[in-house]
PDB file of N, CA and C in Angstrom:
ATOM      1  N   MET A   1      42.851   4.136  17.968  1.00  0.00           N
ATOM      2  CA  MET A   1      41.777   4.189  18.479  1.00  0.00           C
ATOM      3  C   MET A   1      42.002   4.298  20.350  1.00  0.00           C
ATOM      4  N   SER A   2      40.769   4.410  20.744  1.00  0.00           N
ATOM      5  CA  SER A   2      40.985   4.796  22.117  1.00  0.00           C
ATOM      6  C   SER A   2      41.173   3.662  22.784  1.00  0.00           C
ATOM      7  N   THR A   3      41.894   3.682  24.106  1.00  0.00           N
ATOM      8  CA  THR A   3      41.873   2.472  24.962  1.00  0.00           C
ATOM      9  C   THR A   3      41.065   2.658  26.307  1.00  0.00           C
ATOM     10  N   SER A   4      40.076   3.521  26.126  1.00  0.00           N
ATOM     11  CA  SER A   4      39.313   3.952  27.578  1.00  0.00           C
ATOM     12  C   SER A   4      38.112   2.904  27.108  1.00  0.00           C
ATOM     13  N   ASN A   5      37.672   2.562  28.075  1.00  0.00           N
ATOM     14  CA  ASN A   5      36.115   1.819  27.881  1.00  0.00           C
ATOM     15  C   ASN A   5      34.924   2.567  28.541  1.00  0.00           C
ATOM     16  N   VAL A   6      35.372   3.753  29.022  1.00  0.00           N
ATOM     17  CA  VAL A   6      34.354   4.661  29.355  1.00  0.00           C
ATOM     18  C   VAL A   6      33.059   5.241  28.466  1.00  0.00           C
ATOM     19  N   ALA A   7      31.967   4.914  28.687  1.00  0.00           N
ATOM     20  CA  ALA A   7      30.941   5.526  27.693  1.00  0.00           C
ATOM     21  C   ALA A   7      30.797   7.103  27.804  1.00  0.00           C
ATOM     22  N   THR A   8      30.217   7.735  26.893  1.00  0.00           N
ATOM     23  CA  THR A   8      30.171   8.886  27.204  1.00  0.00           C
ATOM     24  C   THR A   8      28.328   9.185  27.275  1.00  0.00           C
ATOM     25  N   PHE A   9      27.943  10.209  28.018  1.00  0.00           N
ATOM     26  CA  PHE A   9      26.475  10.090  27.935  1.00  0.00           C
ATOM     27  C   PHE A   9      26.362  11.682  28.164  1.00  0.00           C
ATOM     28  N   ILE A  10      25.440  12.277  26.852  1.00  0.00           N
ATOM     29  CA  ILE A  10      24.847  13.262  26.671  1.00  0.00           C
ATOM     30  C   ILE A  10      23.563  13.455  26.548  1.00  0.00           C
ATOM     31  N   PRO A  11      23.324  14.211  27.321  1.00  0.00           N
ATOM     32  CA  PRO A  11      21.550  14.273  27.425  1.00  0.00           C
ATOM     33  C   PRO A  11      20.750  14.569  25.991  1.00  0.00           C
ATOM     34  N   ASN A  12      19.847  13.568  25.798  1.00  0.00           N
ATOM     35  CA  ASN A  12      19.112  13.824  24.635  1.00  0.00           C
ATOM     36  C   ASN A  12      19.820  13.318  23.421  1.00  0.00           C
ATOM     37  N   ASP A  13      21.113  12.639  23.404  1.00  0.00           N
ATOM     38  CA  ASP A  13      21.819  12.102  22.369  1.00  0.00           C
ATOM     39  C   ASP A  13      21.829  10.444  22.819  1.00  0.00           C
ATOM     40  N   PRO A  14      21.901   9.631  21.679  1.00  0.00           N
ATOM     41  CA  PRO A  14      22.063   8.336  21.878  1.00  0.00           C
ATOM     42  C   PRO A  14      23.547   8.077  22.577  1.00  0.00           C
ATOM     43  N   PRO A  15      23.727   6.965  23.508  1.00  0.00           N
ATOM     44  CA  PRO A  15      24.965   6.919  23.812  1.00  0.00           C
ATOM     45  C   PRO A  15      26.185   6.510  22.872  1.00  0.00           C
ATOM     46  N   ALA A  16      27.367   6.933  23.255  1.00  0.00           N
ATOM     47  CA  ALA A  16      28.462   6.855  22.365  1.00  0.00           C
ATOM     48  C   ALA A  16      29.650   5.983  23.101  1.00  0.00           C
ATOM     49  N   TYR A  17      29.807   4.931  22.670  1.00  0.00           N
ATOM     50  CA  TYR A  17      30.733   3.860  23.039  1.00  0.00           C
ATOM     51  C   TYR A  17      31.929   4.093  22.404  1.00  0.00           C
ATOM     52  N   SER A  18      33.111   4.049  23.133  1.00  0.00           N
ATOM     53  CA  SER A  18      34.445   3.757  22.242  1.00  0.00           C
ATOM     54  C   SER A  18      34.693   2.468  21.452  1.00  0.00           C
ATOM     55  N   ALA A  19      35.488   2.329  20.665  1.00  0.00           N
ATOM     56  CA  ALA A  19      35.612   1.314  19.626  1.00  0.00           C
ATOM     57  C   ALA A  19      35.861  -0.221  20.528  1.00  0.00           C
ATOM     58  N   ASP A  20      36.637   0.010  21.535  1.00  0.00           N
ATOM     59  CA  ASP A  20      37.146  -1.201  22.365  1.00  0.00           C
ATOM     60  C   ASP A  20      36.218  -1.532  23.561  1.00  0.00           C
ATOM     61  N   ALA A  21      35.164  -0.716  23.694  1.00  0.00           N
ATOM     62  CA  ALA A  21      34.341  -0.976  24.798  1.00  0.00           C
ATOM     63  C   ALA A  21      33.415  -2.364  24.568  1.00  0.00           C
ATOM     64  N   ALA A  22      33.240  -2.323  23.381  1.00  0.00           N
ATOM     65  CA  ALA A  22      32.732  -4.010  23.051  1.00  0.00           C
ATOM     66  C   ALA A  22      33.316  -5.108  23.560  1.00  0.00           C
ATOM     67  N   THR A  23      34.654  -5.025  23.752  1.00  0.00           N
ATOM     68  CA  THR A  23      35.571  -6.256  24.469  1.00  0.00           C
ATOM     69  C   THR A  23      35.210  -6.335  25.563  1.00  0.00           C
ATOM     70  N   VAL A  24      34.404  -5.621  26.534  1.00  0.00           N
ATOM     71  CA  VAL A  24      34.336  -5.781  27.755  1.00  0.00           C
ATOM     72  C   VAL A  24      32.770  -5.561  28.052  1.00  0.00           C
ATOM     73  N   PRO A  25      32.075  -6.754  27.906  1.00  0.00           N
ATOM     74  CA  PRO A  25      30.702  -6.611  28.202  1.00  0.00           C
ATOM     75  C   PRO A  25      30.208  -6.430  29.584  1.00  0.00           C
ATOM     76  N   VAL A  26      31.107  -6.425  30.352  1.00  0.00           N
ATOM     77  CA  VAL A  26      30.806  -5.977  32.160  1.00  0.00           C
ATOM     78  C   VAL A  26      30.484  -4.765  31.964  1.00  0.00           C
ATOM     79  N   SER A  27      31.610  -3.869  31.618  1.00  0.00           N
ATOM     80  CA  SER A  27      31.554  -2.621  31.418  1.00  0.00           C
ATOM     81  C   SER A  27      30.586  -1.883  30.727  1.00  0.00           C
ATOM     82  N   ASN A  28      30.094  -2.607  29.839  1.00  0.00           N
ATOM     83  CA  ASN A  28      28.902  -2.096  28.898  1.00  0.00           C
ATOM     84  C   ASN A  28      27.518  -2.318  29.843  1.00  0.00           C
ATOM     85  N   ILE A  29      27.652  -3.765  30.429  1.00  0.00           N
ATOM     86  CA  ILE A  29      26.204  -4.027  31.076  1.00  0.00           C
ATOM     87  C   ILE A  29      26.174  -2.703  32.279  1.00  0.00           C
ATOM     88  N   LEU A  30      27.203  -2.785  33.078  1.00  0.00           N
ATOM     89  CA  LEU A  30      27.103  -1.692  34.161  1.00  0.00           C
ATOM     90  C   LEU A  30      27.004  -0.219  33.528  1.00  0.00           C
ATOM     91  N   GLU A  31      27.460   0.140  32.670  1.00  0.00           N
ATOM     92  CA  GLU A  31      27.019   1.174  32.058  1.00  0.00           C
ATOM     93  C   GLU A  31      25.556   1.525  31.407  1.00  0.00           C
ATOM     94  N   LEU A  32      25.006   0.539  30.827  1.00  0.00           N
ATOM     95  CA  LEU A  32      23.540   0.142  30.613  1.00  0.00           C
ATOM     96  C   LEU A  32      22.872   0.349  31.858  1.00  0.00           C
ATOM     97  N   ARG A  33      23.194  -0.320  32.736  1.00  0.00           N
ATOM     98  CA  ARG A  33      22.449  -0.311  34.050  1.00  0.00           C
ATOM     99  C   ARG A  33      22.287   1.043  34.754  1.00  0.00           C
ATOM    100  N   TYR A  34      23.514   1.905  34.563  1.00  0.00           N
ATOM    101  CA  TYR A  34      23.489   3.164  35.142  1.00  0.00           C
ATOM    102  C   TYR A  34      22.581   3.859  34.373  1.00  0.00           C
ATOM    103  N   MET A  35      22.414   4.001  32.993  1.00  0.00           N
ATOM    104  CA  MET A  35      21.586   4.831  32.236  1.00  0.00           C
ATOM    105  C   MET A  35      20.289   4.532  32.524  1.00  0.00           C
ATOM    106  N   ILE A  36      19.820   3.161  32.828  1.00  0.00           N
ATOM    107  CA  ILE A  36      18.424   2.844  32.759  1.00  0.00           C
ATOM    108  C   ILE A  36      18.065   3.374  34.346  1.00  0.00           C
ATOM    109  N   SER A  37      18.778   3.384  35.421  1.00  0.00           N
ATOM    110  CA  SER A  37      18.405   3.525  36.678  1.00  0.00           C
ATOM    111  C   SER A  37      18.279   5.236  36.465  1.00  0.00           C
ATOM    112  N   LEU A  38      19.008   6.034  35.920  1.00  0.00           N
ATOM    113  CA  LEU A  38      19.065   7.266  35.636  1.00  0.00           C
ATOM    114  C   LEU A  38      17.660   7.747  35.042  1.00  0.00           C
ATOM    115  N   LEU A  39      17.472   6.948  33.827  1.00  0.00           N
ATOM    116  CA  LEU A  39      16.175   7.318  33.193  1.00  0.00           C
ATOM    117  C   LEU A  39      15.173   7.006  34.151  1.00  0.00           C
ATOM    118  N   HIS A  40      14.953   5.803  34.991  1.00  0.00           N
ATOM    119  CA  HIS A  40      14.107   5.464  35.884  1.00  0.00           C
ATOM    120  C   HIS A  40      13.644   6.646  37.192  1.00  0.00           C
ATOM    121  N   ALA A  41      14.870   7.167  37.405  1.00  0.00           N
ATOM    122  CA  ALA A  41      14.919   8.228  38.442  1.00  0.00           C
ATOM    123  C   ALA A  41      14.345   9.543  37.865  1.00  0.00           C
ATOM    124  N   HIS A  42      14.540   9.685  36.893  1.00  0.00           N
ATOM    125  CA  HIS A  42      14.092  11.259  36.110  1.00  0.00           C
ATOM    126  C   HIS A  42      12.556  10.892  35.659  1.00  0.00           C
ATOM    127  N   THR A  43      12.311   9.492  35.298  1.00  0.00           N
ATOM    128  CA  THR A  43      10.944   9.497  35.054  1.00  0.00           C
ATOM    129  C   THR A  43       9.940   9.579  36.311  1.00  0.00           C
ATOM    130  N   ARG A  44      10.586   8.785  37.510  1.00  0.00           N
ATOM    131  CA  ARG A  44       9.917   8.648  38.703  1.00  0.00           C
ATOM    132  C   ARG A  44       9.374  10.312  39.060  1.00  0.00           C
ATOM    133  N   ASP A  45      10.559  11.120  39.101  1.00  0.00           N
ATOM    134  CA  ASP A  45      10.550  12.472  39.777  1.00  0.00           C
ATOM    135  C   ASP A  45       9.678  13.364  38.867  1.00  0.00           C
ATOM    136  N   ALA A  46       9.858  13.012  37.311  1.00  0.00           N
ATOM    137  CA  ALA A  46       8.778  13.903  36.553  1.00  0.00           C
ATOM    138  C   ALA A  46       7.111  13.145  36.767  1.00  0.00           C
ATOM    139  N   PHE A  47       7.151  12.076  36.983  1.00  0.00           N
ATOM    140  CA  PHE A  47       5.857  11.473  37.374  1.00  0.00           C
ATOM    141  C   PHE A  47       5.229  12.403  38.849  1.00  0.00           C
ATOM    142  N   VAL A  48       6.238  12.136  39.987  1.00  0.00           N
ATOM    143  CA  VAL A  48       5.655  12.687  41.164  1.00  0.00           C
ATOM    144  C   VAL A  48       5.366  14.126  40.803  1.00  0.00           C
ATOM    145  N   ASN A  49       6.261  14.969  40.205  1.00  0.00           N
ATOM    146  CA  ASN A  49       6.077  16.302  39.825  1.00  0.00           C
ATOM    147  C   ASN A  49       4.622  16.459  39.506  1.00  0.00           C
ATOM    148  N   CYS A  50       4.365  15.750  38.407  1.00  0.00           N
ATOM    149  CA  CYS A  50       3.163  15.966  37.718  1.00  0.00           C
ATOM    150  C   CYS A  50       2.115  15.568  38.602  1.00  0.00           C
ATOM    151  N   GLU A  51       1.968  14.425  39.432  1.00  0.00           N
ATOM    152  CA  GLU A  51       0.938  14.257  40.295  1.00  0.00           C
ATOM    153  C   GLU A  51       0.752  15.310  41.485  1.00  0.00           C
ATOM    154  N   THR A  52       1.674  15.993  42.048  1.00  0.00           N
ATOM    155  CA  THR A  52       1.834  16.845  42.734  1.00  0.00           C
ATOM    156  C   THR A  52       0.856  18.314  42.030  1.00  0.00           C
ATOM    157  N   ARG A  53       1.500  18.758  41.081  1.00  0.00           N
ATOM    158  CA  ARG A  53       0.617  19.656  40.319  1.00  0.00           C
ATOM    159  C   ARG A  53      -1.239  19.474  40.137  1.00  0.00           C
ATOM    160  N   LEU A  54      -1.374  18.283  39.651  1.00  0.00           N
ATOM    161  CA  LEU A  54      -2.426  17.693  39.544  1.00  0.00           C
ATOM    162  C   LEU A  54      -3.252  17.622  40.612  1.00  0.00           C
ATOM    163  N   ALA A  55      -2.564  17.538  41.944  1.00  0.00           N
ATOM    164  CA  ALA A  55      -3.461  17.691  43.371  1.00  0.00           C
ATOM    165  C   ALA A  55      -3.565  18.913  43.752  1.00  0.00           C
ATOM    166  N   SER A  56      -2.797  19.662  43.382  1.00  0.00           N
ATOM    167  CA  SER A  56      -2.918  21.090  43.837  1.00  0.00           C
ATOM    168  C   SER A  56      -3.874  21.861  43.109  1.00  0.00           C
ATOM    169  N   ILE A  57      -4.064  21.382  41.718  1.00  0.00           N
ATOM    170  CA  ILE A  57      -5.143  21.963  40.741  1.00  0.00           C
ATOM    171  C   ILE A  57      -6.257  21.441  41.299  1.00  0.00           C
ATOM    172  N   ARG A  58      -6.391  20.150  41.498  1.00  0.00           N
ATOM    173  CA  ARG A  58      -7.594  19.728  42.210  1.00  0.00           C
ATOM    174  C   ARG A  58      -8.075  20.270  43.321  1.00  0.00           C
ATOM    175  N   SER A  59      -7.517  20.314  44.172  1.00  0.00           N
ATOM    176  CA  SER A  59      -7.625  21.176  45.505  1.00  0.00           C
ATOM    177  C   SER A  59      -8.170  22.509  45.326  1.00  0.00           C
ATOM    178  N   ALA A  60      -7.561  23.467  44.271  1.00  0.00           N
ATOM    179  CA  ALA A  60      -7.873  24.760  44.000  1.00  0.00           C
ATOM    180  C   ALA A  60      -9.443  24.627  43.320  1.00  0.00           C
ATOM    181  N   VAL A  61      -9.768  23.653  42.499  1.00  0.00           N
ATOM    182  CA  VAL A  61     -11.010  23.640  41.743  1.00  0.00           C
ATOM    183  C   VAL A  61     -11.782  23.146  42.939  1.00  0.00           C
ATOM    184  N   ASP A  62     -11.746  22.187  43.859  1.00  0.00           N
ATOM    185  CA  ASP A  62     -12.807  21.507  44.782  1.00  0.00           C
ATOM    186  C   ASP A  62     -12.838  22.489  46.017  1.00  0.00           C
ATOM    187  N   ALA A  63     -11.962  23.591  46.186  1.00  0.00           N
ATOM    188  CA  ALA A  63     -12.236  24.260  47.313  1.00  0.00           C
ATOM    189  C   ALA A  63     -13.125  25.406  47.332  1.00  0.00           C
ATOM    190  N   PRO A  64     -14.201  25.774  48.111  1.00  0.00           N
ATOM    191  CA  PRO A  64     -15.200  26.540  48.269  1.00  0.00           C
ATOM    192  C   PRO A  64     -14.455  28.020  47.951  1.00  0.00           C
ATOM    193  N   PRO A  65     -15.328  28.822  47.300  1.00  0.00           N
ATOM    194  CA  PRO A  65     -14.620  29.923  46.776  1.00  0.00           C
ATOM    195  C   PRO A  65     -14.623  31.014  47.843  1.00  0.00           C
ATOM    196  N   SER A  66     -13.337  31.811  47.890  1.00  0.00           N
ATOM    197  CA  SER A  66     -12.980  32.662  49.221  1.00  0.00           C
ATOM    198  C   SER A  66     -13.515  33.777  48.713  1.00  0.00           C
ATOM    199  N   TYR A  67     -14.384  34.297  49.725  1.00  0.00           N
ATOM    200  CA  TYR A  67     -15.123  35.616  49.675  1.00  0.00           C
ATOM    201  C   TYR A  67     -14.045  36.682  49.725  1.00  0.00           C
ATOM    202  N   ARG A  68     -13.086  36.623  50.546  1.00  0.00           N
ATOM    203  CA  ARG A  68     -11.855  37.643  50.566  1.00  0.00           C
ATOM    204  C   ARG A  68     -11.726  38.028  49.159  1.00  0.00           C
ATOM    205  N   LEU A  69     -11.572  37.138  48.269  1.00  0.00           N
ATOM    206  CA  LEU A  69     -11.074  37.313  46.759  1.00  0.00           C
ATOM    207  C   LEU A  69     -12.345  38.261  46.041  1.00  0.00           C
ATOM    208  N   TYR A  70     -13.485  37.927  46.682  1.00  0.00           N
ATOM    209  CA  TYR A  70     -14.663  38.850  45.902  1.00  0.00           C
ATOM    210  C   TYR A  70     -15.331  39.501  46.972  1.00  0.00           C
ATOM    211  N   PRO A  71     -15.107  40.844  47.409  1.00  0.00           N
ATOM    212  CA  PRO A  71     -15.894  41.575  48.283  1.00  0.00           C
ATOM    213  C   PRO A  71     -17.089  41.833  48.116  1.00  0.00           C
ATOM    214  N   SER A  72     -17.435  41.889  46.716  1.00  0.00           N
ATOM    215  CA  SER A  72     -18.668  42.091  46.241  1.00  0.00           C
ATOM    216  C   SER A  72     -19.899  41.459  46.430  1.00  0.00           C
ATOM    217  N   LEU A  73     -19.263  39.845  46.890  1.00  0.00           N
ATOM    218  CA  LEU A  73     -20.258  38.918  47.285  1.00  0.00           C
ATOM    219  C   LEU A  73     -20.479  38.597  48.553  1.00  0.00           C
ATOM    220  N   GLN A  74     -19.939  39.703  49.612  1.00  0.00           N
ATOM    221  CA  GLN A  74     -20.070  39.733  51.079  1.00  0.00           C
ATOM    222  C   GLN A  74     -21.619  40.097  51.486  1.00  0.00           C
TER     223      GLN A  74
END
């Protein structure tokens, strides 16, 4: 068995703990806290990016047409 209490984190895979990690609950709690904060940061960043894209699409749709793009309408 491994003597390490380090959890392995692989994106898109469930976390894998070593066999003796269960004997150190503080280590597990800290690792879980780290994973949750990482998930929160990534979710927040994705939400901000989505909101930024939506805002740029809305501004493009709401903007008056540019006649420079359509010379025949001048």
